Amino acid sequence: MQLVKRIQLILCMLFLLGSVLIYPAAALEIGGHMELDYYIDDISENNFSAGWRGSAELEFFLPAAAGFTPRFILKAGVLPGNSFIGVKYLYIRQHREMGRLTLGRQPVSWSYGSVINPFNFGPDIEGLTPESEAESVDGIRYSHALGQGQRLEVVLGFKQTPAAAGDLDLGVRLHIPEPGYDLSINTVSQVFGNSRLTRAGVTCKMDFMDIGFYGAGGVFHLEHDSTDFTDPVLQLGGDYSFLVGEYEQNRILTQLEYIRFLNKNLNFGHLLQTHDDVGAFNGSPEQGTVLTSAYDLIIAHFDYQLDRFAHTGLSLLAESNNQHVFLLPYYSEELGGGLEYRLQGNIFRDSEREFTTGAGVQLRYYF
């Protein structure tokens, strides 16, 4: 891992130096955001913990040159007893007549409308947190247009540098959008530790009047040392949004989703381990606890748009293995001038039916 960090630092320095030499100062624009959180965890009659944490992202907006489009984002954070700075994205993309080639650390997301896509390249959660981030992958991605909106995408990723052929991650997606429905066929094979998890399945979403229905089905296969485990996975869900108010100025969104490992041989913990940083879920430790040992998961989400700038809502995650339940109420508002804040609570019920609560306020500034 030290070798990887050194290579990343060298690449950052070369990228910045090259940007200064190639692009005039007027062409180099910088943007990003800063975030400050105050949180209170484990609230009970005689105990609680509280603290501050902050983070920032800095993006260098560079113009395309010679058919190549670069992107560079630095990310830094200050946590209790720890701080970090690193590369969020650093890649170059070349657009071709029938496709595009991307090389470097890049976002890869195959979301199709669900909160969790079991056949996504990375373990991302959509819509339950203030900001959903795509999986960050070090590697090569090629997307080829097949006509009529259909695309074939191939991703080759590596977690170590240099990487042996057996340690590479591979993902292939065939996306087939058609009038009335959206279909994808995905295959992902990823390494973690001494194991390799291969997932293959189909995702589909269609609309009926104002209601969206979606679902996925496929197989997870885990190779661990000399032992293999296989488990079919099924997902069903739907979402519905409508306008209310005297002038129909308020929007209400509801979403319900259920996903299950049918044979209970595997669980969401195996999916989490394919990522080096479980924090990619952008959630609390309690949210991670719900997912780690779950072989089924119920997700419900309700969002009410109070006006153009404010939202309030409630999210729920529950699983039947340990009967964990996680509730996430929130309120967010844009204050103008690139400033917004979010109030959030969390209520977690464990397998002993004991409750842990917490709350926090997040202030974010975009520039």
Protein backbone atom coordinates (compact mmCIF):
# COMPACT_ATOMS: atom_id res chain seq x y z
CA MET A 1 0.00 0.00 0.00
CA GLN A 2 2.94 2.38 0.66
CA LEU A 3 4.07 1.85 -2.92
CA VAL A 4 0.58 2.72 -4.18
CA LYS A 5 0.52 5.95 -2.13
CA ARG A 6 3.95 6.99 -3.41
CA ILE A 7 2.92 6.38 -7.00
CA GLN A 8 -0.27 8.40 -6.45
CA LEU A 9 1.75 11.29 -5.01
CA ILE A 10 4.19 11.23 -7.92
CA LEU A 11 1.31 11.19 -10.43
CA CYS A 12 -0.33 14.15 -8.68
CA MET A 13 2.87 16.16 -8.82
CA LEU A 14 3.44 15.33 -12.49
CA PHE A 15 -0.19 16.13 -13.30
CA LEU A 16 -0.03 19.53 -11.56
CA LEU A 17 3.33 20.37 -13.14
CA GLY A 18 2.09 19.39 -16.57
CA SER A 19 -1.09 21.44 -16.10
CA VAL A 20 0.89 24.56 -15.21
CA LEU A 21 3.22 24.13 -18.19
CA ILE A 22 0.57 23.22 -20.77
CA TYR A 23 -2.33 25.48 -19.83
CA PRO A 24 -2.13 29.25 -19.33
CA ALA A 25 -3.06 30.52 -15.87
CA ALA A 26 -6.33 31.94 -17.16
CA ALA A 27 -7.42 28.49 -18.37
CA LEU A 28 -6.82 26.77 -15.04
CA GLU A 29 -9.98 27.05 -12.95
CA ILE A 30 -10.50 25.60 -9.49
CA GLY A 31 -13.72 24.65 -7.71
CA GLY A 32 -14.98 22.31 -5.06
CA HIS A 33 -16.58 22.34 -1.64
CA MET A 34 -15.81 22.42 2.07
CA GLU A 35 -17.82 20.60 4.72
CA LEU A 36 -18.01 20.82 8.50
CA ASP A 37 -19.94 18.33 10.65
CA TYR A 38 -20.81 18.32 14.33
CA TYR A 39 -22.16 14.99 15.52
CA ILE A 40 -23.46 13.39 18.71
CA ASP A 41 -23.39 9.59 18.91
CA ASP A 42 -24.53 6.94 21.41
CA ILE A 43 -27.00 9.20 23.16
CA SER A 44 -28.32 7.60 26.36
CA GLU A 45 -29.18 8.64 29.88
CA ASN A 46 -25.60 8.54 31.16
CA ASN A 47 -23.44 8.52 28.08
CA PHE A 48 -22.85 10.19 24.73
CA SER A 49 -19.94 11.12 22.49
CA ALA A 50 -19.62 14.22 20.36
CA GLY A 51 -17.09 15.73 18.03
CA TRP A 52 -16.24 17.67 14.90
CA ARG A 53 -15.06 16.47 11.55
CA GLY A 54 -14.35 18.31 8.35
CA SER A 55 -13.55 17.57 4.74
CA ALA A 56 -12.86 19.36 1.50
CA GLU A 57 -12.62 18.63 -2.21
CA LEU A 58 -10.61 20.64 -4.70
CA GLU A 59 -11.19 20.12 -8.43
CA PHE A 60 -8.98 21.49 -11.16
CA PHE A 61 -11.05 22.26 -14.27
CA LEU A 62 -8.77 21.77 -17.25
CA PRO A 63 -9.77 22.20 -20.89
CA ALA A 64 -9.50 19.35 -23.35
CA ALA A 65 -6.37 19.17 -25.47
CA ALA A 66 -5.52 17.00 -28.50
CA GLY A 67 -8.72 14.99 -28.05
CA PHE A 68 -8.03 14.21 -24.36
CA THR A 69 -10.14 15.44 -21.44
CA PRO A 70 -8.41 15.39 -18.03
CA ARG A 71 -10.02 15.44 -14.58
CA PHE A 72 -8.29 15.91 -11.24
CA ILE A 73 -9.91 16.08 -7.78
CA LEU A 74 -8.08 16.16 -4.46
CA LYS A 75 -9.86 15.17 -1.25
CA ALA A 76 -8.84 15.91 2.34
CA GLY A 77 -10.41 15.36 5.72
CA VAL A 78 -9.92 15.91 9.43
CA LEU A 79 -11.36 13.27 11.76
CA PRO A 80 -10.97 12.78 15.53
CA GLY A 81 -7.37 11.70 15.97
CA ASN A 82 -6.74 11.39 12.25
CA SER A 83 -6.39 13.39 9.06
CA PHE A 84 -5.87 12.47 5.42
CA ILE A 85 -5.28 13.90 1.98
CA GLY A 86 -5.48 11.94 -1.23
CA VAL A 87 -6.67 11.66 -4.78
CA LYS A 88 -10.38 11.21 -5.35
CA TYR A 89 -10.25 11.19 -9.16
CA LEU A 90 -7.29 11.49 -11.52
CA TYR A 91 -7.87 10.35 -15.08
CA ILE A 92 -7.65 11.19 -18.75
CA ARG A 93 -10.49 10.41 -21.16
CA GLN A 94 -10.26 10.14 -24.91
CA HIS A 95 -13.45 10.45 -26.96
CA ARG A 96 -13.54 8.40 -30.13
CA GLU A 97 -16.05 8.13 -32.94
CA MET A 98 -17.86 5.11 -31.48
CA GLY A 99 -16.72 5.18 -27.86
CA ARG A 100 -14.53 6.61 -25.14
CA LEU A 101 -11.44 5.35 -23.35
CA THR A 102 -10.65 6.39 -19.75
CA LEU A 103 -7.38 5.76 -17.95
CA GLY A 104 -6.65 6.43 -14.26
CA ARG A 105 -8.59 6.73 -11.02
CA GLN A 106 -12.17 7.28 -12.15
CA PRO A 107 -15.82 6.95 -11.06
CA VAL A 108 -17.68 3.85 -12.25
CA SER A 109 -21.42 3.62 -11.61
CA TRP A 110 -23.96 1.28 -13.18
CA SER A 111 -26.92 2.53 -11.15
CA TYR A 112 -30.34 1.92 -12.66
CA GLY A 113 -32.74 3.56 -10.21
CA SER A 114 -32.45 1.29 -7.18
CA VAL A 115 -30.98 2.30 -3.83
CA ILE A 116 -28.55 -0.64 -3.99
CA ASN A 117 -27.59 -2.29 -7.26
CA PRO A 118 -26.25 -5.78 -6.38
CA PHE A 119 -24.57 -5.98 -9.78
CA ASN A 120 -22.94 -2.55 -9.76
CA PHE A 121 -19.17 -2.42 -10.12
CA GLY A 122 -18.91 -0.89 -6.64
CA PRO A 123 -21.01 -1.07 -3.45
CA ASP A 124 -22.71 2.32 -3.68
CA ILE A 125 -25.89 3.48 -1.99
CA GLU A 126 -28.05 5.95 -3.92
CA GLY A 127 -30.40 8.50 -2.41
CA LEU A 128 -30.13 7.74 1.33
CA THR A 129 -27.25 10.12 2.03
CA PRO A 130 -26.55 13.80 1.26
CA GLU A 131 -24.23 12.88 -1.59
CA SER A 132 -23.95 9.58 -3.43
CA GLU A 133 -20.51 8.96 -4.85
CA ALA A 134 -19.65 6.47 -7.54
CA GLU A 135 -17.09 3.75 -6.91
CA SER A 136 -13.53 5.05 -7.36
CA VAL A 137 -11.58 2.62 -9.54
CA ASP A 138 -7.91 2.59 -10.49
CA GLY A 139 -7.82 1.15 -13.96
CA ILE A 140 -8.97 1.30 -17.56
CA ARG A 141 -12.52 1.64 -18.85
CA TYR A 142 -13.74 1.49 -22.43
CA SER A 143 -17.31 2.29 -23.43
CA HIS A 144 -18.39 1.42 -26.98
CA ALA A 145 -21.55 2.67 -28.68
CA LEU A 146 -23.54 -0.07 -30.44
CA GLY A 147 -26.21 2.18 -31.88
CA GLN A 148 -29.76 3.12 -30.79
CA GLY A 149 -28.48 4.14 -27.36
CA GLN A 150 -27.00 0.71 -26.60
CA ARG A 151 -23.51 0.57 -25.09
CA LEU A 152 -20.97 -2.08 -24.16
CA GLU A 153 -18.65 -1.13 -21.30
CA VAL A 154 -15.56 -2.98 -20.06
CA VAL A 155 -13.70 -2.06 -16.83
CA LEU A 156 -10.32 -3.43 -15.78
CA GLY A 157 -9.35 -2.36 -12.25
CA PHE A 158 -6.46 -2.98 -9.90
CA LYS A 159 -6.14 -2.41 -6.15
CA GLN A 160 -2.36 -2.92 -6.02
CA THR A 161 0.36 -1.37 -8.18
CA PRO A 162 1.86 -3.28 -9.88
CA ALA A 163 -0.87 -5.93 -10.01
CA ALA A 164 -0.61 -9.57 -11.03
CA ALA A 165 -3.09 -10.80 -13.61
CA GLY A 166 -4.93 -12.85 -10.97
CA ASP A 167 -5.46 -9.77 -8.78
CA LEU A 168 -7.26 -7.68 -11.39
CA ASP A 169 -10.94 -6.74 -11.13
CA LEU A 170 -13.06 -7.13 -14.26
CA GLY A 171 -16.46 -5.72 -15.10
CA VAL A 172 -18.57 -5.94 -18.27
CA ARG A 173 -21.91 -4.22 -18.84
CA LEU A 174 -24.27 -4.35 -21.82
CA HIS A 175 -26.80 -1.51 -21.55
CA ILE A 176 -29.96 -1.82 -23.68
CA PRO A 177 -32.37 1.11 -23.31
CA GLU A 178 -35.66 0.61 -25.12
CA PRO A 179 -38.93 2.57 -25.22
CA GLY A 180 -40.78 1.67 -22.03
CA TYR A 181 -37.94 -0.08 -20.21
CA ASP A 182 -34.21 0.02 -19.48
CA LEU A 183 -32.24 -3.24 -19.42
CA SER A 184 -28.65 -4.06 -18.42
CA ILE A 185 -26.66 -7.29 -18.31
CA ASN A 186 -23.75 -7.03 -15.87
CA THR A 187 -20.83 -9.24 -14.88
CA VAL A 188 -18.31 -8.25 -12.20
CA SER A 189 -15.40 -10.26 -10.78
CA GLN A 190 -13.42 -8.69 -7.91
CA VAL A 191 -10.67 -9.77 -5.51
CA PHE A 192 -10.47 -9.14 -1.76
CA GLY A 193 -7.85 -10.85 0.39
CA ASN A 194 -7.60 -14.51 -0.65
CA SER A 195 -11.09 -14.51 -2.14
CA ARG A 196 -12.70 -13.63 -5.44
CA LEU A 197 -16.35 -12.64 -5.71
CA THR A 198 -18.02 -12.96 -9.11
CA ARG A 199 -21.46 -11.48 -9.74
CA ALA A 200 -23.57 -11.87 -12.86
CA GLY A 201 -27.10 -10.62 -13.33
CA VAL A 202 -29.70 -8.59 -15.14
CA THR A 203 -31.25 -5.27 -14.05
CA CYS A 204 -34.41 -3.77 -15.50
CA LYS A 205 -36.53 -0.68 -14.88
CA MET A 206 -39.84 0.29 -16.46
CA ASP A 207 -42.50 2.94 -15.89
CA PHE A 208 -46.24 2.39 -15.65
CA MET A 209 -48.11 5.70 -15.59
CA ASP A 210 -46.42 7.62 -12.73
CA ILE A 211 -44.99 4.55 -10.98
CA GLY A 212 -41.53 3.18 -11.63
CA PHE A 213 -40.93 -0.55 -11.19
CA TYR A 214 -37.49 -2.10 -11.13
CA GLY A 215 -35.82 -5.38 -10.35
CA ALA A 216 -32.66 -7.43 -10.63
CA GLY A 217 -31.79 -11.09 -10.58
CA GLY A 218 -28.61 -13.10 -10.82
CA VAL A 219 -25.95 -15.10 -9.01
CA PHE A 220 -23.12 -14.38 -6.56
CA HIS A 221 -20.20 -16.84 -6.58
CA LEU A 222 -17.46 -16.68 -3.94
CA GLU A 223 -14.13 -18.52 -4.29
CA HIS A 224 -12.33 -18.66 -0.94
CA ASP A 225 -9.17 -20.77 -0.81
CA SER A 226 -10.44 -24.23 -1.91
CA THR A 227 -14.09 -23.60 -1.02
CA ASP A 228 -16.81 -22.19 -3.28
CA PHE A 229 -20.13 -20.62 -2.31
CA THR A 230 -22.97 -19.75 -4.70
CA ASP A 231 -26.13 -17.82 -3.95
CA PRO A 232 -28.93 -16.51 -6.21
CA VAL A 233 -29.90 -12.88 -5.55
CA LEU A 234 -33.28 -11.30 -6.22
CA GLN A 235 -34.29 -7.64 -5.98
CA LEU A 236 -37.69 -5.95 -6.41
CA GLY A 237 -38.59 -2.30 -5.95
CA GLY A 238 -40.62 0.67 -7.01
CA ASP A 239 -40.79 4.44 -6.71
CA TYR A 240 -43.59 6.97 -7.01
CA SER A 241 -43.48 10.76 -7.01
CA PHE A 242 -46.25 13.34 -7.22
CA LEU A 243 -46.89 17.06 -6.69
CA VAL A 244 -48.98 18.58 -3.90
CA GLY A 245 -49.86 22.06 -2.71
CA GLU A 246 -52.14 24.79 -3.99
CA TYR A 247 -49.92 25.38 -7.01
CA GLU A 248 -48.42 21.87 -7.08
CA GLN A 249 -45.13 23.33 -5.95
CA ASN A 250 -44.22 20.57 -3.48
CA ARG A 251 -42.90 17.21 -4.61
CA ILE A 252 -43.24 13.97 -2.65
CA LEU A 253 -41.05 10.98 -3.49
CA THR A 254 -41.58 7.48 -2.07
CA GLN A 255 -39.45 4.41 -2.71
CA LEU A 256 -39.63 0.83 -1.46
CA GLU A 257 -37.11 -1.91 -2.19
CA TYR A 258 -36.40 -5.50 -1.10
CA ILE A 259 -33.31 -7.55 -1.87
CA ARG A 260 -32.46 -11.09 -0.74
CA PHE A 261 -29.80 -13.77 -0.96
CA LEU A 262 -32.12 -16.71 -1.55
CA ASN A 263 -29.97 -19.55 -0.16
CA LYS A 264 -28.42 -17.49 2.69
CA ASN A 265 -24.96 -18.75 1.78
CA LEU A 266 -23.65 -15.21 1.27
CA ASN A 267 -24.60 -11.74 2.53
CA PHE A 268 -24.00 -8.05 2.00
CA GLY A 269 -20.79 -8.27 4.03
CA HIS A 270 -19.15 -10.10 1.13
CA LEU A 271 -20.13 -7.27 -1.21
CA LEU A 272 -18.72 -4.68 1.21
CA GLN A 273 -15.34 -6.44 1.32
CA THR A 274 -14.77 -5.91 -2.40
CA HIS A 275 -14.09 -2.26 -1.58
CA ASP A 276 -10.98 -1.16 0.31
CA ASP A 277 -12.92 1.54 2.17
CA VAL A 278 -16.35 0.64 3.54
CA GLY A 279 -16.82 4.38 4.02
CA ALA A 280 -17.71 4.48 0.34
CA PHE A 281 -21.23 3.91 1.59
CA ASN A 282 -21.17 7.45 3.01
CA GLY A 283 -23.14 6.21 5.99
CA SER A 284 -22.87 5.91 9.75
CA PRO A 285 -21.30 2.94 11.58
CA GLU A 286 -24.82 1.76 12.44
CA GLN A 287 -25.75 1.72 8.76
CA GLY A 288 -22.70 -0.45 8.07
CA THR A 289 -23.75 -2.78 10.91
CA VAL A 290 -27.14 -3.33 9.28
CA LEU A 291 -25.50 -4.32 6.01
CA THR A 292 -22.53 -6.41 7.20
CA SER A 293 -24.42 -9.56 8.20
CA ALA A 294 -27.66 -9.11 6.27
CA TYR A 295 -28.80 -11.69 3.74
CA ASP A 296 -31.94 -9.70 3.05
CA LEU A 297 -32.69 -6.00 3.25
CA ILE A 298 -35.80 -3.83 3.22
CA ILE A 299 -35.24 -0.21 2.20
CA ALA A 300 -37.88 2.51 2.37
CA HIS A 301 -37.37 6.17 1.54
CA PHE A 302 -39.69 9.17 1.83
CA ASP A 303 -38.74 12.69 0.73
CA TYR A 304 -40.91 15.82 0.89
CA GLN A 305 -39.81 18.93 -0.99
CA LEU A 306 -41.02 21.86 1.13
CA ASP A 307 -40.02 24.44 -1.48
CA ARG A 308 -37.33 24.99 -4.09
CA PHE A 309 -34.61 25.02 -1.45
CA ALA A 310 -35.68 22.73 1.41
CA HIS A 311 -36.29 18.99 1.81
CA THR A 312 -37.27 16.79 4.71
CA GLY A 313 -37.59 13.04 4.80
CA LEU A 314 -37.05 9.68 6.41
CA SER A 315 -35.10 6.59 5.33
CA LEU A 316 -35.30 3.07 6.74
CA LEU A 317 -33.08 0.00 6.45
CA ALA A 318 -34.08 -3.28 8.10
CA GLU A 319 -32.94 -6.90 7.87
CA SER A 320 -34.31 -10.15 9.31
CA ASN A 321 -31.12 -12.08 10.16
CA ASN A 322 -30.30 -10.10 13.32
CA GLN A 323 -33.47 -7.97 13.18
CA HIS A 324 -31.45 -4.77 12.89
CA VAL A 325 -33.41 -1.60 12.07
CA PHE A 326 -31.91 1.75 11.12
CA LEU A 327 -33.93 5.00 10.81
CA LEU A 328 -32.54 8.19 9.31
CA PRO A 329 -34.68 11.37 9.58
CA TYR A 330 -33.26 14.51 7.96
CA TYR A 331 -33.88 18.11 6.95
CA SER A 332 -31.77 20.01 4.40
CA GLU A 333 -31.91 23.54 3.04
CA GLU A 334 -29.95 25.69 0.59
CA LEU A 335 -29.15 29.09 2.09
CA GLY A 336 -27.87 30.71 -1.10
CA GLY A 337 -24.43 31.77 -2.15
CA GLY A 338 -23.28 28.17 -2.38
CA LEU A 339 -24.08 27.47 1.28
CA GLU A 340 -26.34 24.65 2.51
CA TYR A 341 -26.93 22.77 5.74
CA ARG A 342 -28.44 19.46 6.79
CA LEU A 343 -29.86 18.31 10.11
CA GLN A 344 -29.84 14.55 10.55
CA GLY A 345 -30.71 12.02 13.19
CA ASN A 346 -30.20 8.29 13.41
CA ILE A 347 -31.97 5.63 15.41
CA PHE A 348 -30.54 2.12 15.48
CA ARG A 349 -32.16 -0.98 16.99
CA ASP A 350 -29.82 -3.93 17.49
CA SER A 351 -30.50 -7.67 17.83
CA GLU A 352 -31.07 -7.26 21.59
CA ARG A 353 -33.80 -4.72 20.81
CA GLU A 354 -31.78 -1.98 22.43
CA PHE A 355 -31.74 1.47 20.83
CA THR A 356 -28.82 3.73 19.99
CA THR A 357 -29.53 7.27 18.85
CA GLY A 358 -27.49 10.10 17.43
CA ALA A 359 -27.79 13.45 15.68
CA GLY A 360 -25.69 15.82 13.68
CA VAL A 361 -25.58 19.03 11.68
CA GLN A 362 -23.67 19.42 8.44
CA LEU A 363 -22.65 22.72 6.87
CA ARG A 364 -21.38 22.68 3.29
CA TYR A 365 -20.03 25.48 1.10
CA TYR A 366 -19.59 25.18 -2.69
CA PHE A 367 -17.17 27.41 -4.57
